[in-house]
Amino acid sequence: MKIDRIEISFLEGSLEKPFGWSQRWITTRSIIVLKVVTDDGIIGWRETYGSSDSIPVMTTIAKMVIVENPNHLGKIWNKLYHFFYPGHQGTPADSLFSKTA
């Protein structure tokens, strides 16, 4: 099984009642939704925080994992980690992910 494509959608909506905390007031909420499709038709969904400015980076990341096996999370994690932090050792990805399906 391989990742065939990742569709990225940015969603944003205005809040009826703004709220705030120590850094600023919020009048809208936004998320990025990822639809991961494998070559054998399995679809997975994920969401992450981001703004519309995040889409180019998310697109670059998505292109890097196309054709990877989605079951090999450690390999994908290491590939992305070493791309963004070249030369760093980091925590071995195998210890971060469960071996159970």
C-alpha atoms as a PDB file:
ATOM      1  CA  MET A   1       0.000   0.000   0.000  1.00  0.00           C
ATOM      2  CA  LYS A   2       1.249   3.482  -0.893  1.00  0.00           C
ATOM      3  CA  ILE A   3       0.005   7.029  -0.346  1.00  0.00           C
ATOM      4  CA  ASP A   4      -1.444   8.058  -3.720  1.00  0.00           C
ATOM      5  CA  ARG A   5      -2.432  11.635  -2.922  1.00  0.00           C
ATOM      6  CA  ILE A   6      -3.121  14.083  -0.129  1.00  0.00           C
ATOM      7  CA  GLU A   7      -5.848  16.676  -0.541  1.00  0.00           C
ATOM      8  CA  ILE A   8      -5.443  19.794   1.587  1.00  0.00           C
ATOM      9  CA  SER A   9      -8.370  22.045   2.525  1.00  0.00           C
ATOM     10  CA  PHE A  10      -8.340  25.222   4.558  1.00  0.00           C
ATOM     11  CA  LEU A  11     -11.494  25.979   6.519  1.00  0.00           C
ATOM     12  CA  GLU A  12     -12.215  29.223   8.344  1.00  0.00           C
ATOM     13  CA  GLY A  13     -15.311  30.626   9.969  1.00  0.00           C
ATOM     14  CA  SER A  14     -16.295  33.675  11.935  1.00  0.00           C
ATOM     15  CA  LEU A  15     -17.228  33.228  15.567  1.00  0.00           C
ATOM     16  CA  GLU A  16     -20.563  34.513  16.831  1.00  0.00           C
ATOM     17  CA  LYS A  17     -18.883  35.456  20.100  1.00  0.00           C
ATOM     18  CA  PRO A  18     -15.159  36.389  20.025  1.00  0.00           C
ATOM     19  CA  PHE A  19     -12.960  35.199  22.855  1.00  0.00           C
ATOM     20  CA  GLY A  20      -9.539  36.161  24.067  1.00  0.00           C
ATOM     21  CA  TRP A  21      -6.592  35.154  26.158  1.00  0.00           C
ATOM     22  CA  SER A  22      -3.310  36.773  27.173  1.00  0.00           C
ATOM     23  CA  GLN A  23      -2.055  37.102  23.593  1.00  0.00           C
ATOM     24  CA  ARG A  24      -5.013  38.363  21.583  1.00  0.00           C
ATOM     25  CA  TRP A  25      -8.726  38.258  20.821  1.00  0.00           C
ATOM     26  CA  ILE A  26     -10.026  35.654  18.364  1.00  0.00           C
ATOM     27  CA  THR A  27     -12.833  36.468  15.946  1.00  0.00           C
ATOM     28  CA  THR A  28     -12.397  33.467  13.610  1.00  0.00           C
ATOM     29  CA  ARG A  29     -11.404  29.811  13.879  1.00  0.00           C
ATOM     30  CA  SER A  30      -9.473  27.992  11.198  1.00  0.00           C
ATOM     31  CA  ILE A  31      -8.139  24.478  10.551  1.00  0.00           C
ATOM     32  CA  ILE A  32      -6.410  22.595   7.785  1.00  0.00           C
ATOM     33  CA  VAL A  33      -8.026  19.277   6.847  1.00  0.00           C
ATOM     34  CA  LEU A  34      -5.976  16.548   5.164  1.00  0.00           C
ATOM     35  CA  LYS A  35      -7.526  13.721   3.174  1.00  0.00           C
ATOM     36  CA  VAL A  36      -4.966  10.948   2.622  1.00  0.00           C
ATOM     37  CA  VAL A  37      -5.832   8.480  -0.165  1.00  0.00           C
ATOM     38  CA  THR A  38      -3.912   5.252  -0.743  1.00  0.00           C
ATOM     39  CA  ASP A  39      -3.436   3.431  -4.022  1.00  0.00           C
ATOM     40  CA  ASP A  40      -5.844   0.717  -2.892  1.00  0.00           C
ATOM     41  CA  GLY A  41      -8.639   3.157  -2.022  1.00  0.00           C
ATOM     42  CA  ILE A  42      -8.251   3.538   1.729  1.00  0.00           C
ATOM     43  CA  ILE A  43      -9.001   7.079   2.889  1.00  0.00           C
ATOM     44  CA  GLY A  44      -7.779   8.672   6.094  1.00  0.00           C
ATOM     45  CA  TRP A  45      -8.615  12.094   7.524  1.00  0.00           C
ATOM     46  CA  ARG A  46      -6.520  14.356   9.709  1.00  0.00           C
ATOM     47  CA  GLU A  47      -6.788  17.923  10.868  1.00  0.00           C
ATOM     48  CA  THR A  48      -4.208  20.392  12.070  1.00  0.00           C
ATOM     49  CA  TYR A  49      -4.036  23.994  13.148  1.00  0.00           C
ATOM     50  CA  GLY A  50      -2.880  26.503  10.570  1.00  0.00           C
ATOM     51  CA  SER A  51      -3.639  29.573   8.545  1.00  0.00           C
ATOM     52  CA  SER A  52      -3.967  30.026   4.803  1.00  0.00           C
ATOM     53  CA  ASP A  53      -0.243  30.919   4.885  1.00  0.00           C
ATOM     54  CA  SER A  54       0.452  27.313   5.994  1.00  0.00           C
ATOM     55  CA  ILE A  55      -0.870  25.756   2.772  1.00  0.00           C
ATOM     56  CA  PRO A  56       2.392  26.027   0.742  1.00  0.00           C
ATOM     57  CA  VAL A  57       4.345  24.257   3.507  1.00  0.00           C
ATOM     58  CA  MET A  58       1.649  21.595   3.874  1.00  0.00           C
ATOM     59  CA  THR A  59       1.748  21.053   0.090  1.00  0.00           C
ATOM     60  CA  THR A  60       5.533  20.558   0.219  1.00  0.00           C
ATOM     61  CA  ILE A  61       5.193  18.077   3.072  1.00  0.00           C
ATOM     62  CA  ALA A  62       2.424  16.215   1.237  1.00  0.00           C
ATOM     63  CA  LYS A  63       4.582  15.833  -1.872  1.00  0.00           C
ATOM     64  CA  MET A  64       7.377  14.357   0.252  1.00  0.00           C
ATOM     65  CA  VAL A  65       5.247  11.470   1.523  1.00  0.00           C
ATOM     66  CA  ILE A  66       3.531  10.473  -1.727  1.00  0.00           C
ATOM     67  CA  VAL A  67       4.352   6.800  -2.537  1.00  0.00           C
ATOM     68  CA  GLU A  68       5.317   6.099   1.095  1.00  0.00           C
ATOM     69  CA  ASN A  69       3.574   3.261   2.902  1.00  0.00           C
ATOM     70  CA  PRO A  70       1.208   4.904   5.444  1.00  0.00           C
ATOM     71  CA  ASN A  71       1.788   1.968   7.810  1.00  0.00           C
ATOM     72  CA  HIS A  72       5.467   2.928   8.152  1.00  0.00           C
ATOM     73  CA  LEU A  73       4.954   6.011  10.313  1.00  0.00           C
ATOM     74  CA  GLY A  74       8.467   5.883  11.730  1.00  0.00           C
ATOM     75  CA  LYS A  75      10.023   6.046   8.271  1.00  0.00           C
ATOM     76  CA  ILE A  76       7.789   8.974   7.283  1.00  0.00           C
ATOM     77  CA  TRP A  77       8.479  10.783  10.563  1.00  0.00           C
ATOM     78  CA  ASN A  78      12.256  10.363  10.123  1.00  0.00           C
ATOM     79  CA  LYS A  79      12.110  11.565   6.506  1.00  0.00           C
ATOM     80  CA  LEU A  80      10.289  14.748   7.492  1.00  0.00           C
ATOM     81  CA  TYR A  81      12.319  15.310  10.655  1.00  0.00           C
ATOM     82  CA  HIS A  82      15.630  15.086   8.789  1.00  0.00           C
ATOM     83  CA  PHE A  83      14.327  17.361   6.042  1.00  0.00           C
ATOM     84  CA  PHE A  84      13.377  20.104   8.496  1.00  0.00           C
ATOM     85  CA  TYR A  85      16.281  19.483  10.932  1.00  0.00           C
ATOM     86  CA  PRO A  86      19.204  18.206   8.841  1.00  0.00           C
ATOM     87  CA  GLY A  87      22.045  16.788  10.921  1.00  0.00           C
ATOM     88  CA  HIS A  88      19.969  16.391  14.098  1.00  0.00           C
ATOM     89  CA  GLN A  89      19.589  12.968  15.607  1.00  0.00           C
ATOM     90  CA  GLY A  90      16.315  13.453  17.462  1.00  0.00           C
ATOM     91  CA  THR A  91      14.282  10.746  19.146  1.00  0.00           C
ATOM     92  CA  PRO A  92      14.162   7.511  17.148  1.00  0.00           C
ATOM     93  CA  ALA A  93      10.763   7.462  15.486  1.00  0.00           C
ATOM     94  CA  ASP A  94      10.292   3.756  16.190  1.00  0.00           C
ATOM     95  CA  SER A  95       9.896   4.566  19.876  1.00  0.00           C
ATOM     96  CA  LEU A  96       7.198   7.157  19.126  1.00  0.00           C
ATOM     97  CA  PHE A  97       4.766   4.910  17.281  1.00  0.00           C
ATOM     98  CA  SER A  98       2.928   1.820  18.361  1.00  0.00           C
ATOM     99  CA  LYS A  99       3.598  -1.364  16.433  1.00  0.00           C
ATOM    100  CA  THR A 100      -0.056  -2.390  16.696  1.00  0.00           C
ATOM    101  CA  ALA A 101      -2.491  -1.640  13.907  1.00  0.00           C
END
